[in-house]
PDB file of N, CA and C in Angstrom:
ATOM      1  N   MET A   1     -13.283  18.080 -25.231  1.00  0.00           N
ATOM      2  CA  MET A   1     -12.215  18.150 -25.228  1.00  0.00           C
ATOM      3  C   MET A   1     -12.268  17.289 -23.633  1.00  0.00           C
ATOM      4  N   MET A   2     -11.214  16.383 -23.526  1.00  0.00           N
ATOM      5  CA  MET A   2     -11.187  15.478 -22.429  1.00  0.00           C
ATOM      6  C   MET A   2     -10.722  16.458 -20.991  1.00  0.00           C
ATOM      7  N   PRO A   3     -11.427  16.014 -19.945  1.00  0.00           N
ATOM      8  CA  PRO A   3     -11.015  16.949 -18.946  1.00  0.00           C
ATOM      9  C   PRO A   3      -9.600  16.784 -18.464  1.00  0.00           C
ATOM     10  N   GLY A   4      -8.692  17.671 -18.270  1.00  0.00           N
ATOM     11  CA  GLY A   4      -7.260  17.666 -17.987  1.00  0.00           C
ATOM     12  C   GLY A   4      -6.489  17.286 -19.145  1.00  0.00           C
ATOM     13  N   ALA A   5      -6.919  17.750 -20.359  1.00  0.00           N
ATOM     14  CA  ALA A   5      -6.183  17.832 -21.564  1.00  0.00           C
ATOM     15  C   ALA A   5      -5.670  19.093 -21.725  1.00  0.00           C
ATOM     16  N   CYS A   6      -4.573  18.910 -22.466  1.00  0.00           N
ATOM     17  CA  CYS A   6      -3.767  20.415 -22.729  1.00  0.00           C
ATOM     18  C   CYS A   6      -4.576  20.995 -23.693  1.00  0.00           C
ATOM     19  N   LYS A   7      -4.744  22.464 -23.857  1.00  0.00           N
ATOM     20  CA  LYS A   7      -5.395  23.342 -24.720  1.00  0.00           C
ATOM     21  C   LYS A   7      -4.652  23.749 -25.666  1.00  0.00           C
ATOM     22  N   LEU A   8      -3.162  23.488 -25.794  1.00  0.00           N
ATOM     23  CA  LEU A   8      -2.439  24.065 -26.746  1.00  0.00           C
ATOM     24  C   LEU A   8      -2.582  23.314 -27.864  1.00  0.00           C
ATOM     25  N   PRO A   9      -2.421  23.976 -29.035  1.00  0.00           N
ATOM     26  CA  PRO A   9      -2.410  23.093 -29.999  1.00  0.00           C
ATOM     27  C   PRO A   9      -1.248  22.137 -30.580  1.00  0.00           C
ATOM     28  N   GLY A  10      -1.561  20.878 -30.985  1.00  0.00           N
ATOM     29  CA  GLY A  10      -0.563  19.926 -31.119  1.00  0.00           C
ATOM     30  C   GLY A  10      -0.364  19.200 -29.919  1.00  0.00           C
ATOM     31  N   HIS A  11      -0.618  19.487 -28.629  1.00  0.00           N
ATOM     32  CA  HIS A  11      -0.410  18.855 -27.549  1.00  0.00           C
ATOM     33  C   HIS A  11      -1.531  17.702 -27.172  1.00  0.00           C
ATOM     34  N   ALA A  12      -2.369  17.562 -28.031  1.00  0.00           N
ATOM     35  CA  ALA A  12      -3.330  16.478 -27.423  1.00  0.00           C
ATOM     36  C   ALA A  12      -2.631  15.015 -27.146  1.00  0.00           C
ATOM     37  N   ARG A  13      -3.346  14.690 -25.975  1.00  0.00           N
ATOM     38  CA  ARG A  13      -2.844  13.418 -25.485  1.00  0.00           C
ATOM     39  C   ARG A  13      -4.003  12.221 -25.884  1.00  0.00           C
ATOM     40  N   ALA A  14      -3.056  10.920 -26.022  1.00  0.00           N
ATOM     41  CA  ALA A  14      -3.712   9.872 -26.255  1.00  0.00           C
ATOM     42  C   ALA A  14      -4.466   9.664 -24.892  1.00  0.00           C
ATOM     43  N   PRO A  15      -5.772   8.892 -24.988  1.00  0.00           N
ATOM     44  CA  PRO A  15      -6.197   8.484 -23.742  1.00  0.00           C
ATOM     45  C   PRO A  15      -5.541   7.433 -23.162  1.00  0.00           C
ATOM     46  N   GLN A  16      -5.428   7.520 -21.823  1.00  0.00           N
ATOM     47  CA  GLN A  16      -4.571   6.455 -21.191  1.00  0.00           C
ATOM     48  C   GLN A  16      -5.335   5.216 -20.744  1.00  0.00           C
ATOM     49  N   GLN A  17      -4.857   4.063 -20.679  1.00  0.00           N
ATOM     50  CA  GLN A  17      -5.427   2.830 -20.265  1.00  0.00           C
ATOM     51  C   GLN A  17      -5.328   2.797 -18.695  1.00  0.00           C
ATOM     52  N   ALA A  18      -6.176   2.170 -18.082  1.00  0.00           N
ATOM     53  CA  ALA A  18      -6.336   2.075 -16.759  1.00  0.00           C
ATOM     54  C   ALA A  18      -4.903   1.358 -16.097  1.00  0.00           C
ATOM     55  N   ARG A  19      -4.206   2.107 -15.251  1.00  0.00           N
ATOM     56  CA  ARG A  19      -3.070   1.597 -14.943  1.00  0.00           C
ATOM     57  C   ARG A  19      -3.416   0.913 -13.396  1.00  0.00           C
ATOM     58  N   PRO A  20      -2.642  -0.343 -13.151  1.00  0.00           N
ATOM     59  CA  PRO A  20      -2.912  -0.927 -11.979  1.00  0.00           C
ATOM     60  C   PRO A  20      -2.742  -0.172 -11.032  1.00  0.00           C
ATOM     61  N   TYR A  21      -3.289  -0.750  -9.564  1.00  0.00           N
ATOM     62  CA  TYR A  21      -3.149   0.285  -8.549  1.00  0.00           C
ATOM     63  C   TYR A  21      -1.570  -0.238  -7.872  1.00  0.00           C
ATOM     64  N   ALA A  22      -1.529   0.822  -6.679  1.00  0.00           N
ATOM     65  CA  ALA A  22      -0.195   0.808  -6.352  1.00  0.00           C
ATOM     66  C   ALA A  22       0.417  -0.376  -5.550  1.00  0.00           C
ATOM     67  N   CYS A  23      -0.749  -0.960  -5.082  1.00  0.00           N
ATOM     68  CA  CYS A  23      -0.529  -2.393  -4.435  1.00  0.00           C
ATOM     69  C   CYS A  23      -0.291  -3.494  -5.485  1.00  0.00           C
ATOM     70  N   HIS A  24      -0.359  -3.401  -6.746  1.00  0.00           N
ATOM     71  CA  HIS A  24      -0.307  -4.354  -7.808  1.00  0.00           C
ATOM     72  C   HIS A  24       1.032  -5.035  -7.776  1.00  0.00           C
ATOM     73  N   ASN A  25       0.901  -6.260  -7.355  1.00  0.00           N
ATOM     74  CA  ASN A  25       2.209  -7.144  -7.094  1.00  0.00           C
ATOM     75  C   ASN A  25       3.405  -6.641  -6.236  1.00  0.00           C
ATOM     76  N   ARG A  26       2.936  -6.207  -5.214  1.00  0.00           N
ATOM     77  CA  ARG A  26       3.640  -5.097  -4.189  1.00  0.00           C
ATOM     78  C   ARG A  26       4.529  -6.374  -3.497  1.00  0.00           C
ATOM     79  N   GLN A  27       5.652  -5.980  -2.760  1.00  0.00           N
ATOM     80  CA  GLN A  27       6.318  -6.643  -1.878  1.00  0.00           C
ATOM     81  C   GLN A  27       5.595  -7.223  -0.581  1.00  0.00           C
ATOM     82  N   PRO A  28       6.075  -8.659  -0.163  1.00  0.00           N
ATOM     83  CA  PRO A  28       5.294  -9.106   0.801  1.00  0.00           C
ATOM     84  C   PRO A  28       5.318  -7.914   2.115  1.00  0.00           C
ATOM     85  N   HIS A  29       4.282  -8.028   3.286  1.00  0.00           N
ATOM     86  CA  HIS A  29       4.369  -7.139   4.214  1.00  0.00           C
ATOM     87  C   HIS A  29       5.009  -7.937   5.060  1.00  0.00           C
ATOM     88  N   VAL A  30       5.699  -6.963   6.288  1.00  0.00           N
ATOM     89  CA  VAL A  30       6.691  -7.057   6.993  1.00  0.00           C
ATOM     90  C   VAL A  30       6.063  -7.792   8.103  1.00  0.00           C
ATOM     91  N   ILE A  31       6.925  -8.723   8.943  1.00  0.00           N
ATOM     92  CA  ILE A  31       6.129  -9.619  10.045  1.00  0.00           C
ATOM     93  C   ILE A  31       6.538  -8.544  11.283  1.00  0.00           C
ATOM     94  N   THR A  32       7.527  -7.965  11.631  1.00  0.00           N
ATOM     95  CA  THR A  32       7.528  -6.895  12.729  1.00  0.00           C
ATOM     96  C   THR A  32       7.888  -5.744  12.282  1.00  0.00           C
ATOM     97  N   ALA A  33       7.587  -4.822  13.358  1.00  0.00           N
ATOM     98  CA  ALA A  33       7.981  -3.383  13.120  1.00  0.00           C
ATOM     99  C   ALA A  33       8.657  -2.901  14.408  1.00  0.00           C
ATOM    100  N   THR A  34       9.412  -2.017  14.200  1.00  0.00           N
ATOM    101  CA  THR A  34      10.280  -1.356  15.585  1.00  0.00           C
ATOM    102  C   THR A  34       9.204  -0.203  15.839  1.00  0.00           C
ATOM    103  N   MET A  35       9.238  -0.103  17.303  1.00  0.00           N
ATOM    104  CA  MET A  35       8.200   1.005  17.856  1.00  0.00           C
ATOM    105  C   MET A  35       8.982   1.699  19.253  1.00  0.00           C
ATOM    106  N   GLN A  36       8.414   2.831  19.417  1.00  0.00           N
ATOM    107  CA  GLN A  36       8.864   3.248  20.522  1.00  0.00           C
ATOM    108  C   GLN A  36       7.982   2.729  21.678  1.00  0.00           C
ATOM    109  N   ASP A  37       8.437   2.399  23.119  1.00  0.00           N
ATOM    110  CA  ASP A  37       7.949   1.901  24.072  1.00  0.00           C
ATOM    111  C   ASP A  37       8.363   2.419  25.391  1.00  0.00           C
ATOM    112  N   GLY A  38       8.355   3.916  25.343  1.00  0.00           N
ATOM    113  CA  GLY A  38       8.559   4.689  26.604  1.00  0.00           C
ATOM    114  C   GLY A  38       9.995   5.321  26.386  1.00  0.00           C
ATOM    115  N   TRP A  39      10.554   5.449  27.309  1.00  0.00           N
ATOM    116  CA  TRP A  39      11.677   6.370  27.573  1.00  0.00           C
ATOM    117  C   TRP A  39      12.956   5.858  28.507  1.00  0.00           C
ATOM    118  N   ASN A  40      14.102   5.619  28.207  1.00  0.00           N
ATOM    119  CA  ASN A  40      15.240   5.264  29.139  1.00  0.00           C
ATOM    120  C   ASN A  40      15.983   6.433  29.967  1.00  0.00           C
ATOM    121  N   ASP A  41      16.171   6.591  30.925  1.00  0.00           N
ATOM    122  CA  ASP A  41      16.939   7.787  31.125  1.00  0.00           C
ATOM    123  C   ASP A  41      18.192   7.285  31.163  1.00  0.00           C
ATOM    124  N   VAL A  42      19.226   8.468  30.242  1.00  0.00           N
ATOM    125  CA  VAL A  42      20.778   8.237  30.311  1.00  0.00           C
ATOM    126  C   VAL A  42      21.493   8.623  31.637  1.00  0.00           C
ATOM    127  N   PRO A  43      21.882   7.672  32.412  1.00  0.00           N
ATOM    128  CA  PRO A  43      22.835   8.354  33.722  1.00  0.00           C
ATOM    129  C   PRO A  43      23.613   9.310  33.206  1.00  0.00           C
ATOM    130  N   GLY A  44      23.969  10.242  34.428  1.00  0.00           N
ATOM    131  CA  GLY A  44      25.025  11.228  34.282  1.00  0.00           C
ATOM    132  C   GLY A  44      24.806  12.201  33.313  1.00  0.00           C
ATOM    133  N   LEU A  45      23.679  12.118  32.304  1.00  0.00           N
ATOM    134  CA  LEU A  45      23.611  13.123  31.290  1.00  0.00           C
ATOM    135  C   LEU A  45      22.378  13.967  31.596  1.00  0.00           C
ATOM    136  N   GLY A  46      21.527  13.431  32.377  1.00  0.00           N
ATOM    137  CA  GLY A  46      20.268  14.110  32.732  1.00  0.00           C
ATOM    138  C   GLY A  46      19.337  14.157  31.695  1.00  0.00           C
ATOM    139  N   THR A  47      19.174  13.260  30.608  1.00  0.00           N
ATOM    140  CA  THR A  47      18.517  13.236  29.576  1.00  0.00           C
ATOM    141  C   THR A  47      17.955  11.728  29.323  1.00  0.00           C
ATOM    142  N   ARG A  48      17.216  11.488  28.372  1.00  0.00           N
ATOM    143  CA  ARG A  48      16.508  10.160  27.875  1.00  0.00           C
ATOM    144  C   ARG A  48      16.731   9.991  26.739  1.00  0.00           C
ATOM    145  N   GLU A  49      16.511   8.687  26.559  1.00  0.00           N
ATOM    146  CA  GLU A  49      16.728   8.186  24.854  1.00  0.00           C
ATOM    147  C   GLU A  49      15.339   7.411  24.623  1.00  0.00           C
ATOM    148  N   PRO A  50      14.952   7.126  23.562  1.00  0.00           N
ATOM    149  CA  PRO A  50      13.470   6.083  23.367  1.00  0.00           C
ATOM    150  C   PRO A  50      14.009   4.869  23.511  1.00  0.00           C
ATOM    151  N   ARG A  51      13.123   4.105  24.117  1.00  0.00           N
ATOM    152  CA  ARG A  51      13.268   2.577  24.323  1.00  0.00           C
ATOM    153  C   ARG A  51      12.647   1.942  22.966  1.00  0.00           C
ATOM    154  N   MET A  52      12.992   1.244  22.183  1.00  0.00           N
ATOM    155  CA  MET A  52      12.774   0.576  21.153  1.00  0.00           C
ATOM    156  C   MET A  52      12.306  -0.828  21.380  1.00  0.00           C
ATOM    157  N   VAL A  53      10.986  -1.267  20.927  1.00  0.00           N
ATOM    158  CA  VAL A  53      10.829  -2.751  21.013  1.00  0.00           C
ATOM    159  C   VAL A  53      10.503  -3.102  19.437  1.00  0.00           C
ATOM    160  N   SER A  54      10.383  -4.589  19.315  1.00  0.00           N
ATOM    161  CA  SER A  54      10.055  -4.951  18.016  1.00  0.00           C
ATOM    162  C   SER A  54       8.468  -5.786  18.204  1.00  0.00           C
ATOM    163  N   VAL A  55       7.416  -5.357  17.575  1.00  0.00           N
ATOM    164  CA  VAL A  55       6.372  -5.986  17.796  1.00  0.00           C
ATOM    165  C   VAL A  55       5.637  -6.440  16.506  1.00  0.00           C
ATOM    166  N   PRO A  56       4.910  -7.595  16.580  1.00  0.00           N
ATOM    167  CA  PRO A  56       4.514  -8.323  15.224  1.00  0.00           C
ATOM    168  C   PRO A  56       3.553  -7.328  14.678  1.00  0.00           C
ATOM    169  N   VAL A  57       3.456  -7.407  13.255  1.00  0.00           N
ATOM    170  CA  VAL A  57       2.479  -6.738  12.590  1.00  0.00           C
ATOM    171  C   VAL A  57       1.340  -7.776  12.184  1.00  0.00           C
ATOM    172  N   ARG A  58       0.514  -7.288  12.542  1.00  0.00           N
ATOM    173  CA  ARG A  58      -1.217  -8.313  12.383  1.00  0.00           C
ATOM    174  C   ARG A  58      -1.999  -7.800  11.179  1.00  0.00           C
ATOM    175  N   GLY A  59      -1.117  -7.869  10.006  1.00  0.00           N
ATOM    176  CA  GLY A  59      -2.239  -7.711   8.773  1.00  0.00           C
ATOM    177  C   GLY A  59      -2.203  -8.699   7.946  1.00  0.00           C
ATOM    178  N   ALA A  60      -3.650  -9.133   7.215  1.00  0.00           N
ATOM    179  CA  ALA A  60      -3.502  -9.948   6.092  1.00  0.00           C
ATOM    180  C   ALA A  60      -2.903  -9.982   4.771  1.00  0.00           C
ATOM    181  N   PRO A  61      -2.009 -11.193   4.990  1.00  0.00           N
ATOM    182  CA  PRO A  61      -1.145 -11.215   3.673  1.00  0.00           C
ATOM    183  C   PRO A  61      -1.665 -10.939   2.256  1.00  0.00           C
ATOM    184  N   ASP A  62      -2.965 -11.326   2.108  1.00  0.00           N
ATOM    185  CA  ASP A  62      -3.720 -11.419   0.957  1.00  0.00           C
ATOM    186  C   ASP A  62      -4.363 -10.264   0.656  1.00  0.00           C
ATOM    187  N   CYS A  63      -4.883 -10.106  -0.578  1.00  0.00           N
ATOM    188  CA  CYS A  63      -5.983  -8.907  -0.888  1.00  0.00           C
ATOM    189  C   CYS A  63      -7.475  -9.162  -0.368  1.00  0.00           C
ATOM    190  N   ARG A  64      -7.690  -8.360   0.377  1.00  0.00           N
ATOM    191  CA  ARG A  64      -8.906  -8.400   0.970  1.00  0.00           C
ATOM    192  C   ARG A  64     -10.171  -7.571  -0.041  1.00  0.00           C
ATOM    193  N   TYR A  65      -9.642  -6.520  -0.807  1.00  0.00           N
ATOM    194  CA  TYR A  65     -10.435  -6.193  -1.836  1.00  0.00           C
ATOM    195  C   TYR A  65     -10.957  -7.088  -2.745  1.00  0.00           C
ATOM    196  N   THR A  66     -10.199  -8.223  -3.310  1.00  0.00           N
ATOM    197  CA  THR A  66     -10.700  -8.772  -4.071  1.00  0.00           C
ATOM    198  C   THR A  66     -11.802 -10.041  -3.836  1.00  0.00           C
ATOM    199  N   LEU A  67     -12.005 -10.186  -2.587  1.00  0.00           N
ATOM    200  CA  LEU A  67     -13.039 -10.853  -1.959  1.00  0.00           C
ATOM    201  C   LEU A  67     -14.447 -10.151  -2.299  1.00  0.00           C
ATOM    202  N   SER A  68     -14.298  -9.002  -2.400  1.00  0.00           N
ATOM    203  CA  SER A  68     -15.936  -8.365  -2.728  1.00  0.00           C
ATOM    204  C   SER A  68     -16.064  -8.549  -4.381  1.00  0.00           C
ATOM    205  N   ALA A  69     -17.546  -8.371  -4.466  1.00  0.00           N
ATOM    206  CA  ALA A  69     -17.892  -8.222  -5.709  1.00  0.00           C
ATOM    207  C   ALA A  69     -17.080  -7.233  -6.685  1.00  0.00           C
ATOM    208  N   LEU A  70     -17.044  -6.018  -6.161  1.00  0.00           N
ATOM    209  CA  LEU A  70     -16.248  -5.003  -6.766  1.00  0.00           C
ATOM    210  C   LEU A  70     -14.818  -5.461  -7.164  1.00  0.00           C
ATOM    211  N   GLY A  71     -14.178  -5.917  -6.248  1.00  0.00           N
ATOM    212  CA  GLY A  71     -13.182  -6.315  -6.324  1.00  0.00           C
ATOM    213  C   GLY A  71     -12.701  -7.609  -7.528  1.00  0.00           C
ATOM    214  N   GLN A  72     -13.613  -8.409  -7.544  1.00  0.00           N
ATOM    215  CA  GLN A  72     -13.716  -9.610  -8.495  1.00  0.00           C
ATOM    216  C   GLN A  72     -13.927  -9.125  -9.903  1.00  0.00           C
ATOM    217  N   ALA A  73     -14.604  -7.968  -9.901  1.00  0.00           N
ATOM    218  CA  ALA A  73     -15.016  -7.496 -11.268  1.00  0.00           C
ATOM    219  C   ALA A  73     -13.821  -6.058 -11.815  1.00  0.00           C
ATOM    220  N   ASP A  74     -13.097  -5.881 -10.947  1.00  0.00           N
ATOM    221  CA  ASP A  74     -12.060  -4.914 -11.210  1.00  0.00           C
ATOM    222  C   ASP A  74     -10.927  -5.082 -12.186  1.00  0.00           C
ATOM    223  N   GLN A  75     -10.986  -4.793 -13.369  1.00  0.00           N
ATOM    224  CA  GLN A  75      -9.853  -5.144 -14.415  1.00  0.00           C
ATOM    225  C   GLN A  75      -8.393  -4.791 -14.018  1.00  0.00           C
ATOM    226  N   ARG A  76      -8.657  -3.688 -13.020  1.00  0.00           N
ATOM    227  CA  ARG A  76      -6.932  -2.937 -12.639  1.00  0.00           C
ATOM    228  C   ARG A  76      -6.252  -4.248 -11.824  1.00  0.00           C
ATOM    229  N   CYS A  77      -7.160  -5.086 -11.250  1.00  0.00           N
ATOM    230  CA  CYS A  77      -6.489  -6.227 -10.482  1.00  0.00           C
ATOM    231  C   CYS A  77      -5.992  -7.230 -11.321  1.00  0.00           C
ATOM    232  N   ALA A  78      -6.184  -7.474 -12.507  1.00  0.00           N
ATOM    233  CA  ALA A  78      -5.942  -8.944 -13.150  1.00  0.00           C
ATOM    234  C   ALA A  78      -4.384  -8.929 -13.215  1.00  0.00           C
ATOM    235  N   GLY A  79      -4.320 -10.160 -13.026  1.00  0.00           N
ATOM    236  CA  GLY A  79      -2.761 -10.536 -13.158  1.00  0.00           C
ATOM    237  C   GLY A  79      -2.184 -10.186 -11.832  1.00  0.00           C
ATOM    238  N   CYS A  80      -2.466 -10.032 -10.549  1.00  0.00           N
ATOM    239  CA  CYS A  80      -2.027  -9.411  -9.416  1.00  0.00           C
ATOM    240  C   CYS A  80      -1.633 -10.877  -8.404  1.00  0.00           C
ATOM    241  N   ARG A  81      -0.525 -11.025  -8.230  1.00  0.00           N
ATOM    242  CA  ARG A  81      -0.250 -12.375  -7.455  1.00  0.00           C
ATOM    243  C   ARG A  81      -0.955 -12.427  -6.023  1.00  0.00           C
ATOM    244  N   TRP A  82      -1.606 -11.218  -5.562  1.00  0.00           N
ATOM    245  CA  TRP A  82      -2.280 -11.011  -4.406  1.00  0.00           C
ATOM    246  C   TRP A  82      -3.752 -11.013  -4.462  1.00  0.00           C
ATOM    247  N   ARG A  83      -4.041 -11.269  -5.551  1.00  0.00           N
ATOM    248  CA  ARG A  83      -5.757 -11.627  -5.982  1.00  0.00           C
ATOM    249  C   ARG A  83      -6.148 -12.611  -5.244  1.00  0.00           C
ATOM    250  N   ALA A  84      -7.231 -12.827  -4.311  1.00  0.00           N
ATOM    251  CA  ALA A  84      -7.652 -13.672  -3.831  1.00  0.00           C
ATOM    252  C   ALA A  84      -8.815 -14.609  -4.812  1.00  0.00           C
ATOM    253  N   ALA A  85      -8.922 -15.725  -4.586  1.00  0.00           N
ATOM    254  CA  ALA A  85      -9.557 -16.609  -5.729  1.00  0.00           C
ATOM    255  C   ALA A  85     -11.275 -16.403  -5.345  1.00  0.00           C
ATOM    256  N   GLN A  86     -11.947 -16.362  -6.214  1.00  0.00           N
ATOM    257  CA  GLN A  86     -13.280 -16.244  -5.734  1.00  0.00           C
ATOM    258  C   GLN A  86     -13.948 -17.282  -4.828  1.00  0.00           C
ATOM    259  N   ALA A  87     -14.714 -16.757  -3.654  1.00  0.00           N
ATOM    260  CA  ALA A  87     -15.025 -17.443  -2.911  1.00  0.00           C
ATOM    261  C   ALA A  87     -16.318 -18.349  -3.486  1.00  0.00           C
ATOM    262  N   ALA A  88     -16.423 -19.533  -3.079  1.00  0.00           N
ATOM    263  CA  ALA A  88     -17.736 -20.506  -3.425  1.00  0.00           C
ATOM    264  C   ALA A  88     -18.953 -20.271  -2.917  1.00  0.00           C
TER     265      ALA A  88
END
């Protein structure tokens, strides 16, 4: 019996095919993110509120996993628009 298969009679599952990863054809990364940069005092109330700033996101837009030998051979990455071309 397959691991994780239901043991009840008549409940046999067909073997699943490998699903693509969650990053498969994902949305493009954001360019900036809003983050807290300290606090501002609120005059007259004796309290404070967060000071928010916009900062650039420094991430690679393409897939770095597919640059490795494992990533080039991984069939779950087939057809993804972020898959990097094999380096020469």
